[in-house]
Amino acid sequence: MKTLYEYIKEAEEKEVAIGHFNISNLEALHGIYNAARKLDLPIIIGLSEGEEDFIEREEAVALIRTIRERDNYPIFLNADHHYSFEKVKACIDAGFDTVIIDAVKLPFEENVALTKKCVDYASEINKKNRRAVLVEAELGFIGTSSKVLDKMPEGVSKETMTKPEDAKYFVEKTGINLLAPSVGNVHGMVKGGNPRLDIERIKEIKEAAGVPLVLHGGSGIADEDFVNAIKAGISVIHINTEIRVAYKEALEKYLKENPNEVAPYKILQPAVEAISKVVEARLKLFNNLK
């Protein structure tokens, strides 16, 4: 099987994007995997620090590894938005395929230093254990919450978008494999509508940085923007809030219609199907499938 980086480079060449979807439980994993396998597409499963605390990092690694080996399927695990070297190190040691060090709240040079420390550790582990762990970092601010928002998060603006020259410097100094820029995207879904992406900026950042780009905060983005962003240089797209909303609404609907049901596998099945529906639609869009 190819490495995750090889799948990302292949997506880059084909002008498509790999879908990255977060989980908090087994139902979400089943919903995402069912959709990916139906379309025969590689998939990345994400665990933020909060999600990881709930689901347990070693259990998540065991689940993903079991599916990958059992089905010989390209499913990978990402430590999404981890904020310290210690947390990143723990995920690398546990067996994650890729990690994100998010140090955007630190001064720029401190972000560079912390990110490089994570890259150096991953490189050491890769050489020692013949692994291919990737390190991703975020540059520019897009908020922090994967939820439905009443308004744009404080601090997210055109001024906090990633500058191409900063992206170039950051990649050169840190040696990261993947870069997540701020290009008009925002974590979560804004009730009044998410902002539009700056497609020209994506092109400029891609040219300057020279590494695959990852679009965070994909929930609520217009389909047209997704298509244009992929053409401009986005190779991985994160979706979380959309599947959380689908899960919640399906669960509420089933419980309302079946107030006396107590079997979890019956109560949760509609939520699994709702997640699959969202994921399938997104994967088709990201891969230009009808």
C-alpha atoms as a PDB file:
ATOM      1  CA  MET A   1       0.000   0.000   0.000  1.00  0.00           C
ATOM      2  CA  LYS A   2       1.164   3.530  -0.756  1.00  0.00           C
ATOM      3  CA  THR A   3       2.012   5.909   2.076  1.00  0.00           C
ATOM      4  CA  LEU A   4      -0.325   8.746   3.011  1.00  0.00           C
ATOM      5  CA  TYR A   5       2.100  11.252   1.491  1.00  0.00           C
ATOM      6  CA  GLU A   6       2.054   9.319  -1.792  1.00  0.00           C
ATOM      7  CA  TYR A   7      -1.753   9.428  -1.819  1.00  0.00           C
ATOM      8  CA  ILE A   8      -1.651  13.181  -1.149  1.00  0.00           C
ATOM      9  CA  LYS A   9       0.851  13.773  -3.970  1.00  0.00           C
ATOM     10  CA  GLU A  10      -1.310  11.647  -6.266  1.00  0.00           C
ATOM     11  CA  ALA A  11      -4.341  13.792  -5.367  1.00  0.00           C
ATOM     12  CA  GLU A  12      -2.261  16.898  -6.071  1.00  0.00           C
ATOM     13  CA  GLU A  13      -1.356  15.615  -9.535  1.00  0.00           C
ATOM     14  CA  LYS A  14      -4.955  14.663 -10.349  1.00  0.00           C
ATOM     15  CA  GLU A  15      -6.342  17.970  -9.007  1.00  0.00           C
ATOM     16  CA  VAL A  16      -8.581  16.219  -6.499  1.00  0.00           C
ATOM     17  CA  ALA A  17      -8.557  16.293  -2.689  1.00  0.00           C
ATOM     18  CA  ILE A  18      -8.503  13.666   0.046  1.00  0.00           C
ATOM     19  CA  GLY A  19     -11.300  14.011   2.578  1.00  0.00           C
ATOM     20  CA  HIS A  20     -10.398  14.347   6.265  1.00  0.00           C
ATOM     21  CA  PHE A  21     -13.261  13.733   8.718  1.00  0.00           C
ATOM     22  CA  ASN A  22     -13.164  13.813  12.518  1.00  0.00           C
ATOM     23  CA  ILE A  23     -14.669  11.253  14.852  1.00  0.00           C
ATOM     24  CA  SER A  24     -15.725  11.177  18.488  1.00  0.00           C
ATOM     25  CA  ASN A  25     -17.135   7.664  18.504  1.00  0.00           C
ATOM     26  CA  LEU A  26     -17.398   4.371  16.646  1.00  0.00           C
ATOM     27  CA  GLU A  27     -20.599   5.387  14.846  1.00  0.00           C
ATOM     28  CA  ALA A  28     -18.860   8.292  13.120  1.00  0.00           C
ATOM     29  CA  LEU A  29     -15.979   6.036  12.078  1.00  0.00           C
ATOM     30  CA  HIS A  30     -18.392   3.526  10.533  1.00  0.00           C
ATOM     31  CA  GLY A  31     -20.310   6.266   8.732  1.00  0.00           C
ATOM     32  CA  ILE A  32     -17.166   7.806   7.255  1.00  0.00           C
ATOM     33  CA  TYR A  33     -15.539   4.509   6.307  1.00  0.00           C
ATOM     34  CA  ASN A  34     -18.703   3.141   4.711  1.00  0.00           C
ATOM     35  CA  ALA A  35     -18.878   6.165   2.408  1.00  0.00           C
ATOM     36  CA  ALA A  36     -15.175   6.085   1.517  1.00  0.00           C
ATOM     37  CA  ARG A  37     -15.218   2.386   0.757  1.00  0.00           C
ATOM     38  CA  LYS A  38     -18.326   2.713  -1.370  1.00  0.00           C
ATOM     39  CA  LEU A  39     -16.417   5.181  -3.570  1.00  0.00           C
ATOM     40  CA  ASP A  40     -13.066   3.377  -3.214  1.00  0.00           C
ATOM     41  CA  LEU A  41     -11.229   6.510  -2.077  1.00  0.00           C
ATOM     42  CA  PRO A  42      -8.471   7.012   0.505  1.00  0.00           C
ATOM     43  CA  ILE A  43      -9.642   8.625   3.716  1.00  0.00           C
ATOM     44  CA  ILE A  44      -8.134  10.402   6.714  1.00  0.00           C
ATOM     45  CA  ILE A  45      -9.730  10.134  10.157  1.00  0.00           C
ATOM     46  CA  GLY A  46      -9.029  13.041  12.513  1.00  0.00           C
ATOM     47  CA  LEU A  47      -8.907  13.263  16.291  1.00  0.00           C
ATOM     48  CA  SER A  48      -8.585  16.668  17.929  1.00  0.00           C
ATOM     49  CA  GLU A  49      -7.205  16.799  21.468  1.00  0.00           C
ATOM     50  CA  GLY A  50     -10.735  16.788  22.909  1.00  0.00           C
ATOM     51  CA  GLU A  51     -11.887  13.945  20.672  1.00  0.00           C
ATOM     52  CA  GLU A  52      -8.724  12.015  21.491  1.00  0.00           C
ATOM     53  CA  ASP A  53      -9.340  12.378  25.231  1.00  0.00           C
ATOM     54  CA  PHE A  54     -12.824  10.921  24.751  1.00  0.00           C
ATOM     55  CA  ILE A  55     -12.020   8.078  22.377  1.00  0.00           C
ATOM     56  CA  GLU A  56      -8.467   7.302  23.686  1.00  0.00           C
ATOM     57  CA  ARG A  57      -5.500   7.581  21.337  1.00  0.00           C
ATOM     58  CA  GLU A  58      -4.292   3.968  21.577  1.00  0.00           C
ATOM     59  CA  GLU A  59      -7.804   2.631  20.924  1.00  0.00           C
ATOM     60  CA  ALA A  60      -8.146   4.889  17.876  1.00  0.00           C
ATOM     61  CA  VAL A  61      -4.794   3.692  16.511  1.00  0.00           C
ATOM     62  CA  ALA A  62      -5.826   0.065  17.020  1.00  0.00           C
ATOM     63  CA  LEU A  63      -9.164   0.632  15.251  1.00  0.00           C
ATOM     64  CA  ILE A  64      -7.665   2.325  12.198  1.00  0.00           C
ATOM     65  CA  ARG A  65      -4.789  -0.121  11.952  1.00  0.00           C
ATOM     66  CA  THR A  66      -7.182  -3.080  12.166  1.00  0.00           C
ATOM     67  CA  ILE A  67      -9.383  -1.742   9.371  1.00  0.00           C
ATOM     68  CA  ARG A  68      -6.383  -0.912   7.186  1.00  0.00           C
ATOM     69  CA  GLU A  69      -4.798  -4.350   7.597  1.00  0.00           C
ATOM     70  CA  ARG A  70      -8.036  -6.335   7.497  1.00  0.00           C
ATOM     71  CA  ASP A  71      -9.349  -4.695   4.334  1.00  0.00           C
ATOM     72  CA  ASN A  72      -6.020  -3.614   2.814  1.00  0.00           C
ATOM     73  CA  TYR A  73      -7.588  -0.176   2.617  1.00  0.00           C
ATOM     74  CA  PRO A  74      -5.962   3.310   2.620  1.00  0.00           C
ATOM     75  CA  ILE A  75      -7.445   4.703   5.832  1.00  0.00           C
ATOM     76  CA  PHE A  76      -5.147   6.910   7.912  1.00  0.00           C
ATOM     77  CA  LEU A  77      -5.219   8.556  11.346  1.00  0.00           C
ATOM     78  CA  ASN A  78      -4.382  12.200  12.048  1.00  0.00           C
ATOM     79  CA  ALA A  79      -3.780  13.970  15.347  1.00  0.00           C
ATOM     80  CA  ASP A  80      -5.796  17.045  14.453  1.00  0.00           C
ATOM     81  CA  HIS A  81      -4.896  20.377  16.113  1.00  0.00           C
ATOM     82  CA  HIS A  82      -2.544  19.421  18.910  1.00  0.00           C
ATOM     83  CA  TYR A  83      -1.049  22.323  20.783  1.00  0.00           C
ATOM     84  CA  SER A  84       2.136  21.080  22.464  1.00  0.00           C
ATOM     85  CA  PHE A  85       5.206  19.022  21.650  1.00  0.00           C
ATOM     86  CA  GLU A  86       4.269  16.553  24.379  1.00  0.00           C
ATOM     87  CA  LYS A  87       0.843  15.881  22.834  1.00  0.00           C
ATOM     88  CA  VAL A  88       2.286  15.550  19.330  1.00  0.00           C
ATOM     89  CA  LYS A  89       5.029  13.214  20.590  1.00  0.00           C
ATOM     90  CA  ALA A  90       2.465  11.013  22.364  1.00  0.00           C
ATOM     91  CA  CYS A  91       0.475  10.615  19.140  1.00  0.00           C
ATOM     92  CA  ILE A  92       3.559   9.820  17.065  1.00  0.00           C
ATOM     93  CA  ASP A  93       4.656   7.262  19.642  1.00  0.00           C
ATOM     94  CA  ALA A  94       1.150   5.730  19.715  1.00  0.00           C
ATOM     95  CA  GLY A  95       1.200   5.143  15.952  1.00  0.00           C
ATOM     96  CA  PHE A  96      -0.650   8.039  14.284  1.00  0.00           C
ATOM     97  CA  ASP A  97       0.091   8.460  10.589  1.00  0.00           C
ATOM     98  CA  THR A  98       0.164  12.257  10.665  1.00  0.00           C
ATOM     99  CA  VAL A  99       0.083  15.011  13.286  1.00  0.00           C
ATOM    100  CA  ILE A 100      -0.818  18.697  13.316  1.00  0.00           C
ATOM    101  CA  ILE A 101       1.053  21.071  15.579  1.00  0.00           C
ATOM    102  CA  ASP A 102      -1.106  24.162  15.970  1.00  0.00           C
ATOM    103  CA  ALA A 103       0.947  27.006  17.394  1.00  0.00           C
ATOM    104  CA  VAL A 104      -0.704  29.938  15.614  1.00  0.00           C
ATOM    105  CA  LYS A 105      -1.428  31.703  18.910  1.00  0.00           C
ATOM    106  CA  LEU A 106       2.297  31.918  19.631  1.00  0.00           C
ATOM    107  CA  PRO A 107       4.544  34.649  18.243  1.00  0.00           C
ATOM    108  CA  PHE A 108       5.701  33.736  14.728  1.00  0.00           C
ATOM    109  CA  GLU A 109       9.250  32.643  15.578  1.00  0.00           C
ATOM    110  CA  GLU A 110       8.024  30.604  18.553  1.00  0.00           C
ATOM    111  CA  ASN A 111       5.584  28.875  16.180  1.00  0.00           C
ATOM    112  CA  VAL A 112       8.544  28.115  13.900  1.00  0.00           C
ATOM    113  CA  ALA A 113      10.637  26.738  16.774  1.00  0.00           C
ATOM    114  CA  LEU A 114       7.896  24.505  18.197  1.00  0.00           C
ATOM    115  CA  THR A 115       6.921  23.228  14.766  1.00  0.00           C
ATOM    116  CA  LYS A 116      10.545  22.392  13.906  1.00  0.00           C
ATOM    117  CA  LYS A 117      10.896  20.505  17.184  1.00  0.00           C
ATOM    118  CA  CYS A 118       7.921  18.331  16.174  1.00  0.00           C
ATOM    119  CA  VAL A 119       9.306  17.825  12.652  1.00  0.00           C
ATOM    120  CA  ASP A 120      12.703  16.819  14.026  1.00  0.00           C
ATOM    121  CA  TYR A 121      11.135  14.275  16.364  1.00  0.00           C
ATOM    122  CA  ALA A 122       8.980  12.773  13.610  1.00  0.00           C
ATOM    123  CA  SER A 123      12.037  12.544  11.333  1.00  0.00           C
ATOM    124  CA  GLU A 124      13.969  10.745  14.074  1.00  0.00           C
ATOM    125  CA  ILE A 125      11.147   8.238  14.586  1.00  0.00           C
ATOM    126  CA  ASN A 126      10.708   7.730  10.838  1.00  0.00           C
ATOM    127  CA  LYS A 127      14.396   6.869  10.405  1.00  0.00           C
ATOM    128  CA  LYS A 128      14.560   4.708  13.508  1.00  0.00           C
ATOM    129  CA  ASN A 129      11.368   2.716  12.923  1.00  0.00           C
ATOM    130  CA  ARG A 130      11.012   2.970   9.143  1.00  0.00           C
ATOM    131  CA  ARG A 131       7.774   4.902   9.431  1.00  0.00           C
ATOM    132  CA  ALA A 132       6.371   7.753   7.326  1.00  0.00           C
ATOM    133  CA  VAL A 133       4.728  10.067   9.879  1.00  0.00           C
ATOM    134  CA  LEU A 134       3.803  13.446   8.392  1.00  0.00           C
ATOM    135  CA  VAL A 135       3.858  16.756  10.249  1.00  0.00           C
ATOM    136  CA  GLU A 136       1.437  19.541   9.359  1.00  0.00           C
ATOM    137  CA  ALA A 137       1.270  23.050  10.761  1.00  0.00           C
ATOM    138  CA  GLU A 138      -1.210  25.905  10.539  1.00  0.00           C
ATOM    139  CA  LEU A 139      -0.277  29.444   9.593  1.00  0.00           C
ATOM    140  CA  GLY A 140      -2.766  32.293   9.938  1.00  0.00           C
ATOM    141  CA  PHE A 141      -5.837  32.272  12.179  1.00  0.00           C
ATOM    142  CA  ILE A 142      -9.214  30.674  11.357  1.00  0.00           C
ATOM    143  CA  GLY A 143     -10.769  30.226  14.806  1.00  0.00           C
ATOM    144  CA  THR A 144     -10.783  27.123  16.981  1.00  0.00           C
ATOM    145  CA  SER A 145     -14.303  25.667  17.359  1.00  0.00           C
ATOM    146  CA  SER A 146     -15.974  22.984  15.219  1.00  0.00           C
ATOM    147  CA  LYS A 147     -19.528  24.057  15.979  1.00  0.00           C
ATOM    148  CA  VAL A 148     -22.374  26.189  14.625  1.00  0.00           C
ATOM    149  CA  LEU A 149     -21.433  29.834  15.188  1.00  0.00           C
ATOM    150  CA  ASP A 150     -23.674  32.872  15.563  1.00  0.00           C
ATOM    151  CA  LYS A 151     -21.013  35.083  13.981  1.00  0.00           C
ATOM    152  CA  MET A 152     -17.456  35.035  12.698  1.00  0.00           C
ATOM    153  CA  PRO A 153     -14.924  34.154  15.434  1.00  0.00           C
ATOM    154  CA  GLU A 154     -13.112  37.084  16.967  1.00  0.00           C
ATOM    155  CA  GLY A 155      -9.698  37.574  15.406  1.00  0.00           C
ATOM    156  CA  VAL A 156     -10.527  36.053  12.013  1.00  0.00           C
ATOM    157  CA  SER A 157     -10.101  38.653   9.291  1.00  0.00           C
ATOM    158  CA  LYS A 158      -8.320  39.420   6.034  1.00  0.00           C
ATOM    159  CA  GLU A 159      -5.392  40.694   8.097  1.00  0.00           C
ATOM    160  CA  THR A 160      -4.920  37.293   9.762  1.00  0.00           C
ATOM    161  CA  MET A 161      -4.836  35.369   6.472  1.00  0.00           C
ATOM    162  CA  THR A 162      -1.596  33.627   5.522  1.00  0.00           C
ATOM    163  CA  LYS A 163       0.879  35.662   3.498  1.00  0.00           C
ATOM    164  CA  PRO A 164       2.714  33.760   0.718  1.00  0.00           C
ATOM    165  CA  GLU A 165       6.098  35.089   1.819  1.00  0.00           C
ATOM    166  CA  ASP A 166       5.447  33.941   5.397  1.00  0.00           C
ATOM    167  CA  ALA A 167       4.404  30.501   4.118  1.00  0.00           C
ATOM    168  CA  LYS A 168       7.654  30.185   2.150  1.00  0.00           C
ATOM    169  CA  TYR A 169       9.789  31.165   5.137  1.00  0.00           C
ATOM    170  CA  PHE A 170       7.824  28.937   7.515  1.00  0.00           C
ATOM    171  CA  VAL A 171       8.167  25.822   5.344  1.00  0.00           C
ATOM    172  CA  GLU A 172      11.886  26.426   4.749  1.00  0.00           C
ATOM    173  CA  LYS A 173      12.617  26.906   8.461  1.00  0.00           C
ATOM    174  CA  THR A 174      10.490  24.043   9.805  1.00  0.00           C
ATOM    175  CA  GLY A 175      10.605  21.343   7.125  1.00  0.00           C
ATOM    176  CA  ILE A 176       6.899  20.535   7.483  1.00  0.00           C
ATOM    177  CA  ASN A 177       5.285  18.108   5.055  1.00  0.00           C
ATOM    178  CA  LEU A 178       1.905  19.861   4.846  1.00  0.00           C
ATOM    179  CA  LEU A 179       0.686  23.420   5.407  1.00  0.00           C
ATOM    180  CA  ALA A 180      -2.776  24.546   6.501  1.00  0.00           C
ATOM    181  CA  PRO A 181      -3.194  28.214   5.526  1.00  0.00           C
ATOM    182  CA  SER A 182      -5.805  30.808   6.395  1.00  0.00           C
ATOM    183  CA  VAL A 183      -7.432  31.774   3.082  1.00  0.00           C
ATOM    184  CA  GLY A 184     -10.936  32.886   4.054  1.00  0.00           C
ATOM    185  CA  ASN A 185     -11.827  29.592   5.719  1.00  0.00           C
ATOM    186  CA  VAL A 186     -13.073  29.371   9.290  1.00  0.00           C
ATOM    187  CA  HIS A 187     -13.539  26.543  11.756  1.00  0.00           C
ATOM    188  CA  GLY A 188     -17.201  25.751  12.324  1.00  0.00           C
ATOM    189  CA  MET A 189     -20.290  26.824  10.390  1.00  0.00           C
ATOM    190  CA  VAL A 190     -21.445  30.442  10.557  1.00  0.00           C
ATOM    191  CA  LYS A 191     -25.250  30.748  10.698  1.00  0.00           C
ATOM    192  CA  GLY A 192     -25.317  33.676   8.304  1.00  0.00           C
ATOM    193  CA  GLY A 193     -23.059  31.849   5.847  1.00  0.00           C
ATOM    194  CA  ASN A 194     -19.341  31.158   5.742  1.00  0.00           C
ATOM    195  CA  PRO A 195     -17.039  33.641   4.002  1.00  0.00           C
ATOM    196  CA  ARG A 196     -15.795  32.952   0.480  1.00  0.00           C
ATOM    197  CA  LEU A 197     -12.300  31.602  -0.076  1.00  0.00           C
ATOM    198  CA  ASP A 198      -9.506  33.708  -1.525  1.00  0.00           C
ATOM    199  CA  ILE A 199      -8.622  31.447  -4.451  1.00  0.00           C
ATOM    200  CA  GLU A 200      -5.855  33.669  -5.783  1.00  0.00           C
ATOM    201  CA  ARG A 201      -4.172  33.626  -2.373  1.00  0.00           C
ATOM    202  CA  ILE A 202      -4.271  29.813  -2.361  1.00  0.00           C
ATOM    203  CA  LYS A 203      -2.442  29.797  -5.712  1.00  0.00           C
ATOM    204  CA  GLU A 204       0.179  32.218  -4.407  1.00  0.00           C
ATOM    205  CA  ILE A 205       0.715  30.269  -1.177  1.00  0.00           C
ATOM    206  CA  LYS A 206       1.003  26.993  -3.052  1.00  0.00           C
ATOM    207  CA  GLU A 207       3.618  28.432  -5.384  1.00  0.00           C
ATOM    208  CA  ALA A 208       5.562  29.994  -2.518  1.00  0.00           C
ATOM    209  CA  ALA A 209       5.372  27.128  -0.020  1.00  0.00           C
ATOM    210  CA  GLY A 210       6.013  24.229  -2.378  1.00  0.00           C
ATOM    211  CA  VAL A 211       4.295  21.648  -0.141  1.00  0.00           C
ATOM    212  CA  PRO A 212       0.768  20.175  -0.308  1.00  0.00           C
ATOM    213  CA  LEU A 213      -1.875  22.463   1.192  1.00  0.00           C
ATOM    214  CA  VAL A 214      -4.648  21.441   3.581  1.00  0.00           C
ATOM    215  CA  LEU A 215      -7.940  23.317   3.893  1.00  0.00           C
ATOM    216  CA  HIS A 216      -9.243  23.381   7.447  1.00  0.00           C
ATOM    217  CA  GLY A 217     -12.737  24.513   8.370  1.00  0.00           C
ATOM    218  CA  GLY A 218     -14.390  22.949   5.329  1.00  0.00           C
ATOM    219  CA  SER A 219     -17.888  22.778   6.810  1.00  0.00           C
ATOM    220  CA  GLY A 220     -20.191  25.375   5.279  1.00  0.00           C
ATOM    221  CA  ILE A 221     -17.914  26.318   2.372  1.00  0.00           C
ATOM    222  CA  ALA A 222     -19.612  26.805  -1.008  1.00  0.00           C
ATOM    223  CA  ASP A 223     -19.228  23.926  -3.488  1.00  0.00           C
ATOM    224  CA  GLU A 224     -17.817  26.284  -6.104  1.00  0.00           C
ATOM    225  CA  ASP A 225     -15.113  27.401  -3.687  1.00  0.00           C
ATOM    226  CA  PHE A 226     -14.145  23.795  -2.954  1.00  0.00           C
ATOM    227  CA  VAL A 227     -13.732  23.046  -6.654  1.00  0.00           C
ATOM    228  CA  ASN A 228     -11.696  26.186  -7.300  1.00  0.00           C
ATOM    229  CA  ALA A 229      -9.588  25.717  -4.167  1.00  0.00           C
ATOM    230  CA  ILE A 230      -8.619  22.204  -5.250  1.00  0.00           C
ATOM    231  CA  LYS A 231      -7.603  23.485  -8.684  1.00  0.00           C
ATOM    232  CA  ALA A 232      -5.585  26.210  -6.973  1.00  0.00           C
ATOM    233  CA  GLY A 233      -3.586  23.772  -4.842  1.00  0.00           C
ATOM    234  CA  ILE A 234      -5.604  22.288  -1.972  1.00  0.00           C
ATOM    235  CA  SER A 235      -4.964  18.527  -1.617  1.00  0.00           C
ATOM    236  CA  VAL A 236      -6.686  17.647   1.701  1.00  0.00           C
ATOM    237  CA  ILE A 237      -9.957  19.065   3.064  1.00  0.00           C
ATOM    238  CA  HIS A 238     -11.155  18.899   6.680  1.00  0.00           C
ATOM    239  CA  ILE A 239     -14.846  18.452   7.499  1.00  0.00           C
ATOM    240  CA  ASN A 240     -16.115  18.123  11.060  1.00  0.00           C
ATOM    241  CA  THR A 241     -19.036  20.382  11.995  1.00  0.00           C
ATOM    242  CA  GLU A 242     -21.196  19.163   9.079  1.00  0.00           C
ATOM    243  CA  ILE A 243     -21.033  15.552  10.234  1.00  0.00           C
ATOM    244  CA  ARG A 244     -21.622  16.552  13.854  1.00  0.00           C
ATOM    245  CA  VAL A 245     -24.792  18.382  12.811  1.00  0.00           C
ATOM    246  CA  ALA A 246     -25.941  15.422  10.672  1.00  0.00           C
ATOM    247  CA  TYR A 247     -25.345  13.050  13.587  1.00  0.00           C
ATOM    248  CA  LYS A 248     -27.244  15.222  16.069  1.00  0.00           C
ATOM    249  CA  GLU A 249     -30.236  15.858  13.796  1.00  0.00           C
ATOM    250  CA  ALA A 250     -30.621  12.175  12.850  1.00  0.00           C
ATOM    251  CA  LEU A 251     -30.413  11.134  16.498  1.00  0.00           C
ATOM    252  CA  GLU A 252     -32.976  13.721  17.609  1.00  0.00           C
ATOM    253  CA  LYS A 253     -35.365  12.704  14.825  1.00  0.00           C
ATOM    254  CA  TYR A 254     -35.163   9.000  15.640  1.00  0.00           C
ATOM    255  CA  LEU A 255     -35.661   9.514  19.382  1.00  0.00           C
ATOM    256  CA  LYS A 256     -38.624  11.787  18.763  1.00  0.00           C
ATOM    257  CA  GLU A 257     -40.252   9.222  16.482  1.00  0.00           C
ATOM    258  CA  ASN A 258     -39.326   6.249  18.686  1.00  0.00           C
ATOM    259  CA  PRO A 259     -39.460   7.475  22.296  1.00  0.00           C
ATOM    260  CA  ASN A 260     -39.654   3.966  23.766  1.00  0.00           C
ATOM    261  CA  GLU A 261     -36.674   2.488  21.923  1.00  0.00           C
ATOM    262  CA  VAL A 262     -33.722   1.625  24.182  1.00  0.00           C
ATOM    263  CA  ALA A 263     -31.454  -0.480  21.917  1.00  0.00           C
ATOM    264  CA  PRO A 264     -28.387   1.662  21.074  1.00  0.00           C
ATOM    265  CA  TYR A 265     -27.708  -0.133  17.787  1.00  0.00           C
ATOM    266  CA  LYS A 266     -31.189   0.823  16.587  1.00  0.00           C
ATOM    267  CA  ILE A 267     -31.079   4.375  17.926  1.00  0.00           C
ATOM    268  CA  LEU A 268     -27.652   5.099  16.435  1.00  0.00           C
ATOM    269  CA  GLN A 269     -28.040   3.516  12.994  1.00  0.00           C
ATOM    270  CA  PRO A 270     -29.796   6.556  11.456  1.00  0.00           C
ATOM    271  CA  ALA A 271     -26.924   8.732  12.716  1.00  0.00           C
ATOM    272  CA  VAL A 272     -24.398   6.448  11.007  1.00  0.00           C
ATOM    273  CA  GLU A 273     -26.370   6.671   7.762  1.00  0.00           C
ATOM    274  CA  ALA A 274     -26.657  10.469   8.039  1.00  0.00           C
ATOM    275  CA  ILE A 275     -22.886  10.802   8.423  1.00  0.00           C
ATOM    276  CA  SER A 276     -22.318   8.491   5.453  1.00  0.00           C
ATOM    277  CA  LYS A 277     -24.601  10.628   3.314  1.00  0.00           C
ATOM    278  CA  VAL A 278     -22.675  13.820   4.118  1.00  0.00           C
ATOM    279  CA  VAL A 279     -19.286  12.188   3.646  1.00  0.00           C
ATOM    280  CA  GLU A 280     -20.243  10.569   0.344  1.00  0.00           C
ATOM    281  CA  ALA A 281     -21.476  13.887  -1.058  1.00  0.00           C
ATOM    282  CA  ARG A 282     -18.305  15.678   0.002  1.00  0.00           C
ATOM    283  CA  LEU A 283     -16.002  12.972  -1.351  1.00  0.00           C
ATOM    284  CA  LYS A 284     -17.790  13.011  -4.707  1.00  0.00           C
ATOM    285  CA  LEU A 285     -17.343  16.777  -4.904  1.00  0.00           C
ATOM    286  CA  PHE A 286     -13.667  16.652  -3.864  1.00  0.00           C
ATOM    287  CA  ASN A 287     -12.962  13.947  -6.473  1.00  0.00           C
ATOM    288  CA  ASN A 288     -15.094  15.237  -9.336  1.00  0.00           C
ATOM    289  CA  LEU A 289     -17.403  12.197  -9.209  1.00  0.00           C
ATOM    290  CA  LYS A 290     -21.059  12.160 -10.191  1.00  0.00           C
END
